[in-house]
Amino acid sequence: MPACIEQKTKKYRSRGSPPYSAMDCKGSSKKGNDGATYVSKPDKRGIYRWVKSVGGVGSVVGTPKNKTIKLKSGSKSGPKNKIIVLDMKEYDAKHKGADGADAWMKSADIKSPTEGMISKDGRVYIKNKWVATSSDKAILNGFRKFTVDYAAKHINKPMILYMREYGSKWPARNAWTKAAVNADNTYSRMKFIPNGDAGIFPKKKKFVNWLTTRSPSIKEGTHFYIDGETFICNNKAQRISPYDCAPDEFLADGLQVDTKDKQTLSTNLMNTEVFVKA
């Protein structure tokens, strides 16, 4: 099992979650770069992600019932281990997204979706209907998800990728600009040049020209990746041309493929998503 070691690269230091690989720290609790406490938990695919503890420094005790929820407090403002009872309306208000709906619900369970809302089952609400986030129809605010099909159309061509931590809302048009403030924190840019090959990690299997042949097929549960050098762009880059990245740090030799939808690409499927300009 890989060691749970603190990472020093910009990718890990600039995000809100802990500077550790959640996959290497299964079940562990760590302090995030934002000061909050996170727990490494598996999603429905068995992939571990950092999940922020409910109530910040506290932890949920039991399931919310009868309009109340009990939290164990460890703050300096009150007695240690004091049991606090919150009205459920107050709890719901704190844990609802900006759109007034719980984040990460399945699309079928969201009663009043708004434009750009992303559901737990990988769909985004655009023009009054739900579409798969990895489809060609999922284009909003000038962005679309970076996918295998898109990479196949840009073999050996440099691309600027837009990376952020998972969100329940499609990125705004100015999300990666200086004016958006978050550009220097959880939002970053990368330069990626797919060479056409793919592989499986850690078996070190390489499939030459896979983006063209698509053979062999992607098996769910494997660590499949699209090959190509990836660089983190410095925050002052992209001022002269669309590909003026001025990479300041080598990030990885390839991007992971979501083996469930066989399309979505990311630097880390546990906690980041990647977009391209549409």
C-alpha atoms as a PDB file:
ATOM      1  CA  MET A   1       0.000   0.000   0.000  1.00  0.00           C
ATOM      2  CA  PRO A   2       1.444   3.428  -0.941  1.00  0.00           C
ATOM      3  CA  ALA A   3       2.648   5.575   1.950  1.00  0.00           C
ATOM      4  CA  CYS A   4       0.490   8.516   3.045  1.00  0.00           C
ATOM      5  CA  ILE A   5       3.071  11.251   2.466  1.00  0.00           C
ATOM      6  CA  GLU A   6       2.577  15.014   2.302  1.00  0.00           C
ATOM      7  CA  GLN A   7       3.030  16.307  -1.263  1.00  0.00           C
ATOM      8  CA  LYS A   8       4.990  19.494  -1.967  1.00  0.00           C
ATOM      9  CA  THR A   9       3.953  20.263  -5.568  1.00  0.00           C
ATOM     10  CA  LYS A  10       1.813  23.283  -6.459  1.00  0.00           C
ATOM     11  CA  LYS A  11      -1.091  21.014  -7.399  1.00  0.00           C
ATOM     12  CA  TYR A  12      -1.382  19.833  -3.804  1.00  0.00           C
ATOM     13  CA  ARG A  13      -0.386  23.073  -2.050  1.00  0.00           C
ATOM     14  CA  SER A  14      -2.787  25.364  -3.936  1.00  0.00           C
ATOM     15  CA  ARG A  15      -6.042  23.465  -3.356  1.00  0.00           C
ATOM     16  CA  GLY A  16      -8.338  23.624  -0.353  1.00  0.00           C
ATOM     17  CA  SER A  17      -8.183  19.912   0.518  1.00  0.00           C
ATOM     18  CA  PRO A  18      -5.163  18.273   2.257  1.00  0.00           C
ATOM     19  CA  PRO A  19      -1.788  18.143   0.441  1.00  0.00           C
ATOM     20  CA  TYR A  20      -1.939  14.347   0.391  1.00  0.00           C
ATOM     21  CA  SER A  21      -3.181  11.823  -2.148  1.00  0.00           C
ATOM     22  CA  ALA A  22      -6.562  10.596  -0.870  1.00  0.00           C
ATOM     23  CA  MET A  23      -5.910   7.265  -2.579  1.00  0.00           C
ATOM     24  CA  ASP A  24      -2.702   6.822  -0.545  1.00  0.00           C
ATOM     25  CA  CYS A  25      -4.413   7.830   2.708  1.00  0.00           C
ATOM     26  CA  LYS A  26      -7.542   5.646   2.639  1.00  0.00           C
ATOM     27  CA  GLY A  27      -9.754   6.262   5.671  1.00  0.00           C
ATOM     28  CA  SER A  28      -7.408   8.863   7.115  1.00  0.00           C
ATOM     29  CA  SER A  29      -8.373  12.254   8.526  1.00  0.00           C
ATOM     30  CA  LYS A  30      -6.185  15.228   7.577  1.00  0.00           C
ATOM     31  CA  LYS A  31      -6.213  18.982   7.887  1.00  0.00           C
ATOM     32  CA  GLY A  32      -6.779  20.753   4.563  1.00  0.00           C
ATOM     33  CA  ASN A  33      -4.896  23.749   3.208  1.00  0.00           C
ATOM     34  CA  ASP A  34      -8.042  25.755   4.013  1.00  0.00           C
ATOM     35  CA  GLY A  35      -7.833  24.770   7.698  1.00  0.00           C
ATOM     36  CA  ALA A  36     -10.841  22.414   7.580  1.00  0.00           C
ATOM     37  CA  THR A  37     -10.740  18.722   8.480  1.00  0.00           C
ATOM     38  CA  TYR A  38     -11.115  16.184   5.673  1.00  0.00           C
ATOM     39  CA  VAL A  39     -11.581  12.421   5.563  1.00  0.00           C
ATOM     40  CA  SER A  40     -10.433  10.171   2.704  1.00  0.00           C
ATOM     41  CA  LYS A  41     -13.572   8.294   1.657  1.00  0.00           C
ATOM     42  CA  PRO A  42     -14.396   6.102  -1.381  1.00  0.00           C
ATOM     43  CA  ASP A  43     -17.072   7.083  -3.899  1.00  0.00           C
ATOM     44  CA  LYS A  44     -19.430   4.594  -5.532  1.00  0.00           C
ATOM     45  CA  ARG A  45     -16.630   3.541  -7.910  1.00  0.00           C
ATOM     46  CA  GLY A  46     -14.260   2.794  -5.042  1.00  0.00           C
ATOM     47  CA  ILE A  47     -12.091   5.838  -5.808  1.00  0.00           C
ATOM     48  CA  TYR A  48     -11.023   7.720  -2.686  1.00  0.00           C
ATOM     49  CA  ARG A  49     -11.596  11.492  -2.420  1.00  0.00           C
ATOM     50  CA  TRP A  50     -11.093  14.039   0.344  1.00  0.00           C
ATOM     51  CA  VAL A  51     -14.469  14.826   1.882  1.00  0.00           C
ATOM     52  CA  LYS A  52     -14.833  17.774   4.244  1.00  0.00           C
ATOM     53  CA  SER A  53     -16.090  16.789   7.685  1.00  0.00           C
ATOM     54  CA  VAL A  54     -19.602  17.990   8.445  1.00  0.00           C
ATOM     55  CA  GLY A  55     -19.570  20.931  10.822  1.00  0.00           C
ATOM     56  CA  GLY A  56     -15.923  21.862  10.193  1.00  0.00           C
ATOM     57  CA  VAL A  57     -13.941  20.951  13.307  1.00  0.00           C
ATOM     58  CA  GLY A  58     -16.852  18.903  14.643  1.00  0.00           C
ATOM     59  CA  SER A  59     -18.156  15.563  13.464  1.00  0.00           C
ATOM     60  CA  VAL A  60     -21.641  14.294  12.818  1.00  0.00           C
ATOM     61  CA  VAL A  61     -23.002  12.098  15.588  1.00  0.00           C
ATOM     62  CA  GLY A  62     -25.879   9.984  14.367  1.00  0.00           C
ATOM     63  CA  THR A  63     -28.399  10.633  11.594  1.00  0.00           C
ATOM     64  CA  PRO A  64     -30.527  13.806  11.533  1.00  0.00           C
ATOM     65  CA  LYS A  65     -33.943  12.955  12.998  1.00  0.00           C
ATOM     66  CA  ASN A  66     -36.967  14.874  14.216  1.00  0.00           C
ATOM     67  CA  LYS A  67     -35.701  18.222  12.982  1.00  0.00           C
ATOM     68  CA  THR A  68     -32.459  17.969  14.971  1.00  0.00           C
ATOM     69  CA  ILE A  69     -28.863  16.917  14.468  1.00  0.00           C
ATOM     70  CA  LYS A  70     -26.203  16.390  17.089  1.00  0.00           C
ATOM     71  CA  LEU A  71     -22.673  17.652  16.571  1.00  0.00           C
ATOM     72  CA  LYS A  72     -19.654  17.095  18.783  1.00  0.00           C
ATOM     73  CA  SER A  73     -17.864  20.394  19.294  1.00  0.00           C
ATOM     74  CA  GLY A  74     -14.117  20.729  19.640  1.00  0.00           C
ATOM     75  CA  SER A  75     -13.989  24.494  19.297  1.00  0.00           C
ATOM     76  CA  LYS A  76     -12.472  26.860  21.839  1.00  0.00           C
ATOM     77  CA  SER A  77     -15.741  28.789  22.098  1.00  0.00           C
ATOM     78  CA  GLY A  78     -17.522  26.084  24.074  1.00  0.00           C
ATOM     79  CA  PRO A  79     -16.895  23.200  26.466  1.00  0.00           C
ATOM     80  CA  LYS A  80     -14.989  20.306  24.985  1.00  0.00           C
ATOM     81  CA  ASN A  81     -17.212  17.502  23.656  1.00  0.00           C
ATOM     82  CA  LYS A  82     -20.355  19.514  24.277  1.00  0.00           C
ATOM     83  CA  ILE A  83     -23.337  18.085  22.411  1.00  0.00           C
ATOM     84  CA  ILE A  84     -25.029  20.785  20.348  1.00  0.00           C
ATOM     85  CA  VAL A  85     -28.552  20.322  19.014  1.00  0.00           C
ATOM     86  CA  LEU A  86     -29.334  22.267  15.863  1.00  0.00           C
ATOM     87  CA  ASP A  87     -32.706  22.820  14.297  1.00  0.00           C
ATOM     88  CA  MET A  88     -32.834  20.864  11.027  1.00  0.00           C
ATOM     89  CA  LYS A  89     -33.822  23.980   9.097  1.00  0.00           C
ATOM     90  CA  GLU A  90     -30.610  25.641  10.278  1.00  0.00           C
ATOM     91  CA  TYR A  91     -28.598  22.534   9.349  1.00  0.00           C
ATOM     92  CA  ASP A  92     -30.153  22.387   5.875  1.00  0.00           C
ATOM     93  CA  ALA A  93     -29.515  26.062   5.291  1.00  0.00           C
ATOM     94  CA  LYS A  94     -25.810  25.607   6.062  1.00  0.00           C
ATOM     95  CA  HIS A  95     -25.428  22.593   3.794  1.00  0.00           C
ATOM     96  CA  LYS A  96     -27.398  23.743   0.780  1.00  0.00           C
ATOM     97  CA  GLY A  97     -25.578  24.976  -2.302  1.00  0.00           C
ATOM     98  CA  ALA A  98     -25.818  28.489  -3.667  1.00  0.00           C
ATOM     99  CA  ASP A  99     -28.754  27.384  -5.821  1.00  0.00           C
ATOM    100  CA  GLY A 100     -30.898  26.375  -2.835  1.00  0.00           C
ATOM    101  CA  ALA A 101     -30.596  22.634  -3.541  1.00  0.00           C
ATOM    102  CA  ASP A 102     -28.422  20.054  -1.850  1.00  0.00           C
ATOM    103  CA  ALA A 103     -25.114  19.636  -3.658  1.00  0.00           C
ATOM    104  CA  TRP A 104     -24.446  16.332  -5.389  1.00  0.00           C
ATOM    105  CA  MET A 105     -28.007  15.008  -5.522  1.00  0.00           C
ATOM    106  CA  LYS A 106     -29.003  12.815  -8.447  1.00  0.00           C
ATOM    107  CA  SER A 107     -30.604  14.761 -11.291  1.00  0.00           C
ATOM    108  CA  ALA A 108     -33.930  12.936 -10.881  1.00  0.00           C
ATOM    109  CA  ASP A 109     -34.105  14.073  -7.233  1.00  0.00           C
ATOM    110  CA  ILE A 110     -33.512  17.777  -7.877  1.00  0.00           C
ATOM    111  CA  LYS A 111     -36.941  19.406  -8.021  1.00  0.00           C
ATOM    112  CA  SER A 112     -35.953  22.910  -9.096  1.00  0.00           C
ATOM    113  CA  PRO A 113     -32.695  22.759 -11.096  1.00  0.00           C
ATOM    114  CA  THR A 114     -31.033  25.946 -12.280  1.00  0.00           C
ATOM    115  CA  GLU A 115     -28.814  26.625 -15.273  1.00  0.00           C
ATOM    116  CA  GLY A 116     -25.367  25.098 -14.838  1.00  0.00           C
ATOM    117  CA  MET A 117     -26.216  22.892 -11.859  1.00  0.00           C
ATOM    118  CA  ILE A 118     -24.200  19.636 -11.780  1.00  0.00           C
ATOM    119  CA  SER A 119     -25.789  16.504 -10.339  1.00  0.00           C
ATOM    120  CA  LYS A 120     -24.268  13.583  -8.470  1.00  0.00           C
ATOM    121  CA  ASP A 121     -24.907  11.255 -11.418  1.00  0.00           C
ATOM    122  CA  GLY A 122     -22.684  13.265 -13.777  1.00  0.00           C
ATOM    123  CA  ARG A 123     -25.225  15.473 -15.527  1.00  0.00           C
ATOM    124  CA  VAL A 124     -25.446  19.237 -16.002  1.00  0.00           C
ATOM    125  CA  TYR A 125     -28.615  21.312 -16.430  1.00  0.00           C
ATOM    126  CA  ILE A 126     -28.404  23.335 -19.676  1.00  0.00           C
ATOM    127  CA  LYS A 127     -31.298  25.019 -21.511  1.00  0.00           C
ATOM    128  CA  ASN A 128     -33.965  23.370 -19.372  1.00  0.00           C
ATOM    129  CA  LYS A 129     -32.713  19.805 -19.657  1.00  0.00           C
ATOM    130  CA  TRP A 130     -30.134  17.473 -18.136  1.00  0.00           C
ATOM    131  CA  VAL A 131     -27.232  16.306 -20.311  1.00  0.00           C
ATOM    132  CA  ALA A 132     -24.194  14.151 -19.505  1.00  0.00           C
ATOM    133  CA  THR A 133     -21.259  16.343 -18.497  1.00  0.00           C
ATOM    134  CA  SER A 134     -18.976  14.401 -20.874  1.00  0.00           C
ATOM    135  CA  SER A 135     -21.227  14.829 -23.935  1.00  0.00           C
ATOM    136  CA  ASP A 136     -20.681  17.286 -26.797  1.00  0.00           C
ATOM    137  CA  LYS A 137     -23.915  19.013 -25.750  1.00  0.00           C
ATOM    138  CA  ALA A 138     -22.508  19.965 -22.362  1.00  0.00           C
ATOM    139  CA  ILE A 139     -21.189  23.406 -23.316  1.00  0.00           C
ATOM    140  CA  LEU A 140     -21.886  26.417 -21.115  1.00  0.00           C
ATOM    141  CA  ASN A 141     -20.173  29.742 -20.411  1.00  0.00           C
ATOM    142  CA  GLY A 142     -17.565  28.920 -23.049  1.00  0.00           C
ATOM    143  CA  PHE A 143     -16.391  25.705 -21.355  1.00  0.00           C
ATOM    144  CA  ARG A 144     -16.805  21.976 -21.886  1.00  0.00           C
ATOM    145  CA  LYS A 145     -15.372  18.961 -20.073  1.00  0.00           C
ATOM    146  CA  PHE A 146     -12.053  17.615 -21.342  1.00  0.00           C
ATOM    147  CA  THR A 147     -12.768  14.153 -22.781  1.00  0.00           C
ATOM    148  CA  VAL A 148     -11.105  11.290 -24.624  1.00  0.00           C
ATOM    149  CA  ASP A 149     -12.901  12.225 -27.859  1.00  0.00           C
ATOM    150  CA  TYR A 150     -11.674  15.822 -27.590  1.00  0.00           C
ATOM    151  CA  ALA A 151      -8.090  14.700 -26.952  1.00  0.00           C
ATOM    152  CA  ALA A 152      -8.277  12.414 -30.016  1.00  0.00           C
ATOM    153  CA  LYS A 153      -8.918  15.475 -32.192  1.00  0.00           C
ATOM    154  CA  HIS A 154      -5.813  17.210 -30.847  1.00  0.00           C
ATOM    155  CA  ILE A 155      -3.060  14.591 -30.992  1.00  0.00           C
ATOM    156  CA  ASN A 156       0.376  16.239 -30.779  1.00  0.00           C
ATOM    157  CA  LYS A 157      -1.273  19.645 -30.443  1.00  0.00           C
ATOM    158  CA  PRO A 158      -0.809  21.799 -27.330  1.00  0.00           C
ATOM    159  CA  MET A 159      -3.953  22.502 -25.323  1.00  0.00           C
ATOM    160  CA  ILE A 160      -4.635  24.736 -22.355  1.00  0.00           C
ATOM    161  CA  LEU A 161      -6.685  22.882 -19.745  1.00  0.00           C
ATOM    162  CA  TYR A 162      -8.649  24.500 -16.930  1.00  0.00           C
ATOM    163  CA  MET A 163      -8.551  22.565 -13.662  1.00  0.00           C
ATOM    164  CA  ARG A 164     -10.505  23.007 -10.428  1.00  0.00           C
ATOM    165  CA  GLU A 165     -11.774  20.977  -7.480  1.00  0.00           C
ATOM    166  CA  TYR A 166     -15.135  19.306  -8.069  1.00  0.00           C
ATOM    167  CA  GLY A 167     -18.047  21.742  -7.928  1.00  0.00           C
ATOM    168  CA  SER A 168     -21.830  21.507  -8.011  1.00  0.00           C
ATOM    169  CA  LYS A 169     -22.051  24.377 -10.501  1.00  0.00           C
ATOM    170  CA  TRP A 170     -20.602  24.687 -14.024  1.00  0.00           C
ATOM    171  CA  PRO A 171     -17.731  27.203 -14.085  1.00  0.00           C
ATOM    172  CA  ALA A 172     -18.542  30.822 -14.844  1.00  0.00           C
ATOM    173  CA  ARG A 173     -17.115  32.442 -17.962  1.00  0.00           C
ATOM    174  CA  ASN A 174     -14.542  34.377 -15.924  1.00  0.00           C
ATOM    175  CA  ALA A 175     -13.772  31.587 -13.411  1.00  0.00           C
ATOM    176  CA  TRP A 176     -10.053  31.404 -14.254  1.00  0.00           C
ATOM    177  CA  THR A 177      -9.435  35.138 -14.541  1.00  0.00           C
ATOM    178  CA  LYS A 178      -7.705  37.287 -11.948  1.00  0.00           C
ATOM    179  CA  ALA A 179     -10.960  39.148 -11.314  1.00  0.00           C
ATOM    180  CA  ALA A 180     -12.587  35.908 -10.104  1.00  0.00           C
ATOM    181  CA  VAL A 181     -10.163  35.798  -7.127  1.00  0.00           C
ATOM    182  CA  ASN A 182     -10.181  31.961  -6.994  1.00  0.00           C
ATOM    183  CA  ALA A 183      -7.787  31.705  -9.971  1.00  0.00           C
ATOM    184  CA  ASP A 184      -4.762  31.650  -7.652  1.00  0.00           C
ATOM    185  CA  ASN A 185      -6.269  29.112  -5.251  1.00  0.00           C
ATOM    186  CA  THR A 186      -8.344  26.121  -6.372  1.00  0.00           C
ATOM    187  CA  TYR A 187      -8.523  27.136 -10.039  1.00  0.00           C
ATOM    188  CA  SER A 188      -5.412  26.592 -12.175  1.00  0.00           C
ATOM    189  CA  ARG A 189      -4.378  26.092 -15.797  1.00  0.00           C
ATOM    190  CA  MET A 190      -2.326  23.353 -17.403  1.00  0.00           C
ATOM    191  CA  LYS A 191      -0.697  22.687 -20.740  1.00  0.00           C
ATOM    192  CA  PHE A 192      -1.223  19.199 -22.155  1.00  0.00           C
ATOM    193  CA  ILE A 193      -0.020  17.635 -25.419  1.00  0.00           C
ATOM    194  CA  PRO A 194      -1.558  14.181 -26.029  1.00  0.00           C
ATOM    195  CA  ASN A 195       0.838  11.990 -28.011  1.00  0.00           C
ATOM    196  CA  GLY A 196      -1.879   9.543 -29.075  1.00  0.00           C
ATOM    197  CA  ASP A 197      -0.845   6.705 -26.764  1.00  0.00           C
ATOM    198  CA  ALA A 198      -2.495   5.346 -23.621  1.00  0.00           C
ATOM    199  CA  GLY A 199      -1.665   2.935 -20.835  1.00  0.00           C
ATOM    200  CA  ILE A 200      -2.607   1.238 -17.583  1.00  0.00           C
ATOM    201  CA  PHE A 201      -0.947   2.137 -14.292  1.00  0.00           C
ATOM    202  CA  PRO A 202       0.853   0.620 -12.392  1.00  0.00           C
ATOM    203  CA  LYS A 203       1.208  -2.289 -14.828  1.00  0.00           C
ATOM    204  CA  LYS A 204       3.170  -0.007 -17.173  1.00  0.00           C
ATOM    205  CA  LYS A 205       1.235  -1.315 -20.171  1.00  0.00           C
ATOM    206  CA  LYS A 206       1.453   1.030 -23.149  1.00  0.00           C
ATOM    207  CA  PHE A 207      -0.983   1.084 -26.076  1.00  0.00           C
ATOM    208  CA  VAL A 208       0.535   2.883 -29.065  1.00  0.00           C
ATOM    209  CA  ASN A 209      -1.868   5.069 -31.102  1.00  0.00           C
ATOM    210  CA  TRP A 210      -4.713   4.186 -28.752  1.00  0.00           C
ATOM    211  CA  LEU A 211      -6.528   7.489 -29.324  1.00  0.00           C
ATOM    212  CA  THR A 212      -6.819   6.478 -32.974  1.00  0.00           C
ATOM    213  CA  THR A 213      -7.503   2.746 -32.666  1.00  0.00           C
ATOM    214  CA  ARG A 214      -9.362   2.740 -29.283  1.00  0.00           C
ATOM    215  CA  SER A 215      -8.057  -0.790 -28.814  1.00  0.00           C
ATOM    216  CA  PRO A 216      -8.118  -2.417 -26.316  1.00  0.00           C
ATOM    217  CA  SER A 217     -11.355  -1.166 -24.778  1.00  0.00           C
ATOM    218  CA  ILE A 218     -11.241   0.522 -21.372  1.00  0.00           C
ATOM    219  CA  LYS A 219     -12.094  -1.815 -18.510  1.00  0.00           C
ATOM    220  CA  GLU A 220     -13.948  -0.330 -15.582  1.00  0.00           C
ATOM    221  CA  GLY A 221     -11.912  -0.163 -12.394  1.00  0.00           C
ATOM    222  CA  THR A 222      -8.493   0.035 -14.067  1.00  0.00           C
ATOM    223  CA  HIS A 223      -6.140   3.017 -13.791  1.00  0.00           C
ATOM    224  CA  PHE A 224      -6.283   3.910 -17.471  1.00  0.00           C
ATOM    225  CA  TYR A 225      -4.543   7.064 -18.683  1.00  0.00           C
ATOM    226  CA  ILE A 226      -4.021   9.099 -21.852  1.00  0.00           C
ATOM    227  CA  ASP A 227      -0.322   9.705 -22.429  1.00  0.00           C
ATOM    228  CA  GLY A 228       1.267  13.120 -22.878  1.00  0.00           C
ATOM    229  CA  GLU A 229       3.274  15.656 -20.904  1.00  0.00           C
ATOM    230  CA  THR A 230       1.309  17.885 -18.550  1.00  0.00           C
ATOM    231  CA  PHE A 231       2.557  21.151 -17.068  1.00  0.00           C
ATOM    232  CA  ILE A 232       1.086  23.550 -14.530  1.00  0.00           C
ATOM    233  CA  CYS A 233       0.938  27.055 -16.011  1.00  0.00           C
ATOM    234  CA  ASN A 234       2.086  29.964 -13.913  1.00  0.00           C
ATOM    235  CA  ASN A 235      -0.655  32.431 -12.994  1.00  0.00           C
ATOM    236  CA  LYS A 236       0.720  35.279 -15.128  1.00  0.00           C
ATOM    237  CA  ALA A 237       0.684  33.224 -18.322  1.00  0.00           C
ATOM    238  CA  GLN A 238      -1.716  33.217 -21.267  1.00  0.00           C
ATOM    239  CA  ARG A 239      -1.571  36.903 -22.041  1.00  0.00           C
ATOM    240  CA  ILE A 240      -0.268  36.814 -25.631  1.00  0.00           C
ATOM    241  CA  SER A 241      -1.873  33.795 -27.275  1.00  0.00           C
ATOM    242  CA  PRO A 242      -4.217  30.915 -26.302  1.00  0.00           C
ATOM    243  CA  TYR A 243      -1.197  28.611 -25.908  1.00  0.00           C
ATOM    244  CA  ASP A 244       1.131  31.021 -24.102  1.00  0.00           C
ATOM    245  CA  CYS A 245       1.291  28.904 -20.968  1.00  0.00           C
ATOM    246  CA  ALA A 246       4.875  29.426 -19.784  1.00  0.00           C
ATOM    247  CA  PRO A 247       4.750  26.167 -17.803  1.00  0.00           C
ATOM    248  CA  ASP A 248       6.562  26.460 -14.529  1.00  0.00           C
ATOM    249  CA  GLU A 249       6.205  22.915 -13.203  1.00  0.00           C
ATOM    250  CA  PHE A 250       6.022  19.449 -14.747  1.00  0.00           C
ATOM    251  CA  LEU A 251       2.918  17.789 -13.312  1.00  0.00           C
ATOM    252  CA  ALA A 252       2.500  14.340 -14.854  1.00  0.00           C
ATOM    253  CA  ASP A 253       3.046  12.193 -17.904  1.00  0.00           C
ATOM    254  CA  GLY A 254      -0.603  11.608 -18.752  1.00  0.00           C
ATOM    255  CA  LEU A 255      -4.167  12.161 -17.542  1.00  0.00           C
ATOM    256  CA  GLN A 256      -6.505   9.662 -15.901  1.00  0.00           C
ATOM    257  CA  VAL A 257      -9.620   8.370 -17.654  1.00  0.00           C
ATOM    258  CA  ASP A 258     -12.877   7.854 -15.782  1.00  0.00           C
ATOM    259  CA  THR A 259     -13.335   4.173 -16.587  1.00  0.00           C
ATOM    260  CA  LYS A 260     -17.058   4.345 -15.874  1.00  0.00           C
ATOM    261  CA  ASP A 261     -18.055   6.825 -18.599  1.00  0.00           C
ATOM    262  CA  LYS A 262     -14.814   6.107 -20.562  1.00  0.00           C
ATOM    263  CA  GLN A 263     -14.611   9.758 -21.569  1.00  0.00           C
ATOM    264  CA  THR A 264     -13.846  12.144 -18.712  1.00  0.00           C
ATOM    265  CA  LEU A 265     -10.178  13.060 -18.222  1.00  0.00           C
ATOM    266  CA  SER A 266      -8.586  14.521 -15.093  1.00  0.00           C
ATOM    267  CA  THR A 267      -5.280  14.937 -13.311  1.00  0.00           C
ATOM    268  CA  ASN A 268      -6.854  13.265 -10.281  1.00  0.00           C
ATOM    269  CA  LEU A 269     -10.343  11.749 -10.559  1.00  0.00           C
ATOM    270  CA  MET A 270     -10.671  11.760  -6.776  1.00  0.00           C
ATOM    271  CA  ASN A 271     -10.927  15.516  -6.409  1.00  0.00           C
ATOM    272  CA  THR A 272     -10.330  17.502  -9.614  1.00  0.00           C
ATOM    273  CA  GLU A 273     -12.165  18.089 -12.878  1.00  0.00           C
ATOM    274  CA  VAL A 274     -10.763  19.510 -16.097  1.00  0.00           C
ATOM    275  CA  PHE A 275     -12.357  21.773 -18.730  1.00  0.00           C
ATOM    276  CA  VAL A 276     -11.326  23.189 -22.104  1.00  0.00           C
ATOM    277  CA  LYS A 277     -12.492  26.279 -23.970  1.00  0.00           C
ATOM    278  CA  ALA A 278     -15.392  25.333 -26.226  1.00  0.00           C
END
